[in-house]
Protein backbone atom coordinates (compact mmCIF):
# COMPACT_ATOMS: atom_id res chain seq x y z
CA MET A 1 9.19 47.69 66.58
CA SER A 2 8.47 44.56 64.27
CA HIS A 3 6.06 45.37 61.32
CA ARG A 4 2.66 43.75 61.57
CA THR A 5 1.57 42.71 58.00
CA PRO A 6 -1.95 43.57 57.09
CA THR A 7 -4.54 40.54 57.15
CA ASP A 8 -5.51 40.66 53.46
CA ILE A 9 -1.73 40.14 52.45
CA LEU A 10 -1.17 37.31 55.21
CA VAL A 11 -4.04 35.23 53.90
CA LEU A 12 -2.98 35.71 50.36
CA HIS A 13 0.78 34.67 51.58
CA ALA A 14 -0.52 31.66 53.50
CA VAL A 15 -2.00 30.35 50.39
CA ARG A 16 1.17 30.84 48.83
CA ILE A 17 3.68 29.18 51.48
CA LEU A 18 1.30 26.32 52.26
CA GLY A 19 0.36 25.53 48.42
CA TYR A 20 -2.77 23.96 49.06
CA ALA A 21 -4.74 24.24 51.85
CA GLU A 22 -8.23 24.22 53.60
CA THR A 23 -9.62 27.56 55.16
CA ALA A 24 -8.59 26.31 59.00
CA ARG A 25 -5.09 25.79 57.93
CA ILE A 26 -4.68 29.06 56.09
CA ALA A 27 -6.14 31.07 59.10
CA ALA A 28 -4.09 29.11 61.67
CA ARG A 29 -0.84 29.58 59.82
CA PHE A 30 -0.82 33.12 60.93
CA ALA A 31 -3.18 32.92 63.87
CA LEU A 32 -6.29 34.66 62.41
CA PRO A 33 -10.09 33.88 63.11
CA ALA A 34 -11.25 31.13 60.53
CA GLY A 35 -14.18 33.68 59.78
CA LEU A 36 -12.04 36.46 58.89
CA ALA A 37 -9.41 34.39 56.62
CA ALA A 38 -12.54 32.70 54.69
CA GLU A 39 -14.03 36.55 54.19
CA HIS A 40 -10.63 37.52 52.55
CA LEU A 41 -10.47 34.28 50.75
CA LEU A 42 -13.71 34.76 49.38
CA ASP A 43 -12.65 38.35 48.18
CA THR A 44 -9.43 37.02 46.50
CA GLU A 45 -11.51 34.48 44.84
CA ALA A 46 -13.60 36.95 43.14
CA ARG A 47 -10.56 38.78 41.95
CA GLY A 48 -9.14 35.94 40.49
CA GLY A 49 -6.32 35.37 42.96
CA VAL A 50 -7.31 31.93 44.55
CA THR A 51 -9.36 29.20 43.39
CA HIS A 52 -11.38 26.67 45.98
CA THR A 53 -11.16 22.91 44.49
CA ASP A 54 -13.31 20.26 46.35
CA PHE A 55 -12.90 16.84 45.05
CA ALA A 56 -13.44 13.51 46.51
CA GLY A 57 -14.08 14.92 50.02
CA ASP A 58 -10.74 16.87 49.76
CA SER A 59 -11.16 20.68 49.72
CA GLY A 60 -8.68 23.63 49.75
CA TRP A 61 -7.34 26.93 48.06
CA SER A 62 -4.75 27.35 45.71
CA LEU A 63 -3.03 30.45 44.02
CA THR A 64 -3.49 31.56 40.67
CA GLU A 65 -1.00 32.80 38.54
CA THR A 66 -2.89 36.38 39.11
CA GLY A 67 -2.61 35.56 42.82
CA LYS A 68 1.09 34.78 42.83
CA VAL A 69 1.70 37.79 40.97
CA HIS A 70 -0.42 40.17 43.05
CA GLY A 71 1.23 38.72 46.19
CA GLU A 72 4.67 39.11 45.03
CA ARG A 73 3.86 42.80 44.44
CA LEU A 74 2.27 43.42 47.85
CA LEU A 75 5.35 41.76 49.65
CA ALA A 76 7.93 43.65 47.55
CA ALA A 77 6.04 46.80 48.47
CA GLU A 78 5.77 46.16 51.97
CA LEU A 79 9.63 45.40 51.95
CA ASP A 80 10.47 48.54 50.53
CA ARG A 81 7.93 50.32 52.48
CA CYS A 82 9.52 48.74 56.11
CA GLY A 83 13.09 49.24 54.78
CA THR A 84 13.62 45.54 55.02
CA ARG A 85 14.40 44.57 51.71
CA ALA A 86 18.22 44.46 52.55
CA VAL A 87 17.91 41.97 55.26
CA VAL A 88 15.75 39.76 53.61
CA VAL A 89 18.06 39.62 50.70
CA GLN A 90 21.38 38.84 53.23
CA VAL A 91 19.22 36.20 54.74
CA HIS A 92 18.10 34.75 51.93
CA ARG A 93 21.80 34.43 50.46
CA ASP A 94 22.88 32.96 53.92
CA PHE A 95 20.28 30.28 53.90
CA LEU A 96 21.22 28.84 50.84
CA PRO A 97 23.79 26.75 52.29
CA HIS A 98 21.77 25.31 54.83
CA ASN A 99 19.16 24.61 52.28
CA VAL A 100 21.48 22.44 50.52
CA ALA A 101 22.60 20.59 53.61
CA VAL A 102 18.73 19.92 54.88
CA ALA A 103 17.77 18.67 51.30
CA ASP A 104 20.93 16.43 51.15
CA ALA A 105 19.97 15.24 54.60
CA CYS A 106 16.06 14.56 54.07
CA THR A 107 16.99 13.13 50.47
CA ALA A 108 19.36 10.68 52.06
CA TRP A 109 16.98 9.58 54.91
CA GLN A 110 14.50 8.84 52.51
CA LEU A 111 16.70 6.67 50.37
CA ALA A 112 17.87 5.03 53.26
CA GLU A 113 14.21 4.30 54.61
CA MET A 114 13.63 2.40 50.97
CA GLY A 115 17.14 0.74 51.33
CA VAL A 116 18.65 2.74 48.38
CA GLY A 117 21.63 4.82 48.61
CA GLU A 118 24.13 4.59 51.77
CA ALA A 119 23.73 2.23 54.26
CA THR A 120 25.67 4.15 56.89
CA VAL A 121 22.66 6.69 56.73
CA THR A 122 21.25 6.76 60.73
CA ILE A 123 18.61 8.33 62.23
CA ASP A 124 21.03 10.20 64.69
CA ALA A 125 23.50 10.93 62.18
CA THR A 126 20.19 12.88 60.02
CA ILE A 127 18.99 14.13 63.40
CA THR A 128 22.51 15.47 63.93
CA ARG A 129 22.61 17.64 60.80
CA LEU A 130 19.03 18.48 61.01
CA ALA A 131 19.71 20.13 64.64
CA THR A 132 22.70 22.03 62.91
CA ALA A 133 20.08 23.55 60.35
CA ALA A 134 17.72 24.37 63.15
CA HIS A 135 20.45 26.19 65.31
CA ALA A 136 20.85 28.30 61.93
CA LEU A 137 17.29 28.88 61.32
CA GLY A 138 16.84 30.31 64.50
CA GLU A 139 19.41 32.99 63.79
CA LEU A 140 17.96 33.81 60.42
CA GLU A 141 14.59 34.02 61.73
CA ALA A 142 15.81 36.46 64.62
CA ARG A 143 16.94 38.70 61.90
CA LEU A 144 13.94 38.57 59.82
CA VAL A 145 11.61 39.04 62.86
CA ALA A 146 13.17 42.44 64.04
CA GLY A 147 11.73 44.02 60.96
CA MET A 148 8.38 41.83 60.28
CA ASP A 149 6.69 39.74 62.59
CA ARG A 150 5.32 37.32 59.86
CA PHE A 151 8.42 35.42 59.70
CA ALA A 152 8.03 34.43 63.33
CA GLY A 153 7.68 30.65 64.31
CA TYR A 154 9.56 28.79 61.69
CA HIS A 155 12.69 27.99 64.19
CA GLN A 156 10.13 26.70 66.92
CA ARG A 157 8.10 24.54 64.25
CA PHE A 158 11.15 23.15 62.80
CA ALA A 159 13.09 22.41 66.02
CA GLY A 160 9.98 20.85 67.43
CA ALA A 161 9.92 18.50 64.45
CA VAL A 162 13.81 17.56 64.80
CA GLU A 163 13.15 16.53 68.68
CA ARG A 164 9.98 14.53 67.54
CA ALA A 165 11.75 12.58 64.98
CA GLY A 166 14.11 11.20 67.61
CA THR A 167 11.18 8.94 68.44
CA ASP A 168 9.14 8.92 65.18
CA PRO A 169 11.26 9.33 62.16
CA GLY A 170 8.05 10.26 59.69
CA TRP A 171 8.59 13.94 61.38
CA ILE A 172 11.89 14.27 58.88
CA THR A 173 9.96 14.41 55.80
CA ALA A 174 6.06 13.37 56.20
CA ASN A 175 3.61 15.56 54.39
CA ASP A 176 0.69 14.96 56.72
CA ARG A 177 2.59 16.80 59.46
CA ASP A 178 4.85 19.97 60.35
CA SER A 179 7.70 17.68 59.48
CA CYS A 180 11.46 19.21 59.10
CA HIS A 181 10.60 19.06 55.30
CA ARG A 182 7.34 20.90 55.13
CA VAL A 183 8.52 23.58 57.53
CA TRP A 184 11.83 23.97 55.77
CA PHE A 185 10.00 24.26 52.59
CA GLU A 186 7.73 26.74 54.04
CA PHE A 187 10.29 29.11 54.94
CA HIS A 188 12.17 29.04 51.82
CA GLU A 189 8.82 29.62 49.90
CA ASP A 190 8.47 32.39 52.42
CA LEU A 191 12.04 33.98 51.53
CA VAL A 192 11.39 33.19 47.46
CA ALA A 193 7.86 34.91 47.43
CA SER A 194 8.94 38.34 49.59
CA LEU A 195 11.86 38.74 47.17
CA GLY A 196 9.96 37.56 43.67
CA LEU A 197 12.22 34.99 43.24
CA ALA A 198 12.24 31.51 41.31
CA ARG A 199 13.45 28.54 43.27
């Protein structure tokens, strides 16, 4: 049976992988009640793990260095307790070549949109490259979810973004939605945080 990560760890981890987000988005990341997520955020803020900022109508939570270190310790202990460290290490290794491919595809598309770089880069070619990555992500996620359920959902979100990109190219790299780039970045951050690595 796949391990269920405790709620307090999920909330802290959501702040890590999202980078900066309001309470509702943090709660939604792991399908938690907003009120429960808010309680954990306030508790973590009191311990110096997260900080809340509010500027010009925009507000959100971000991780402090203390919170980052504490979160990595919690995740490391969880991997060892569940016996899933070796799987996560191998998935990270298998992920890296696909990460290069996705980064290249997204960068090439952004340059093409700006009229810079290769004129041969097309939306169809970009989607094909990203669809290949989506297939790989599905396999990587399945291996992770067999041991820990908090890794679930990346493939569905990424594949959905690839599909939507066919009619709206914004789904490739936009920051205002679950674009291919954003979902892929979160998955990478999830692996890095879990293993206590630097990007």
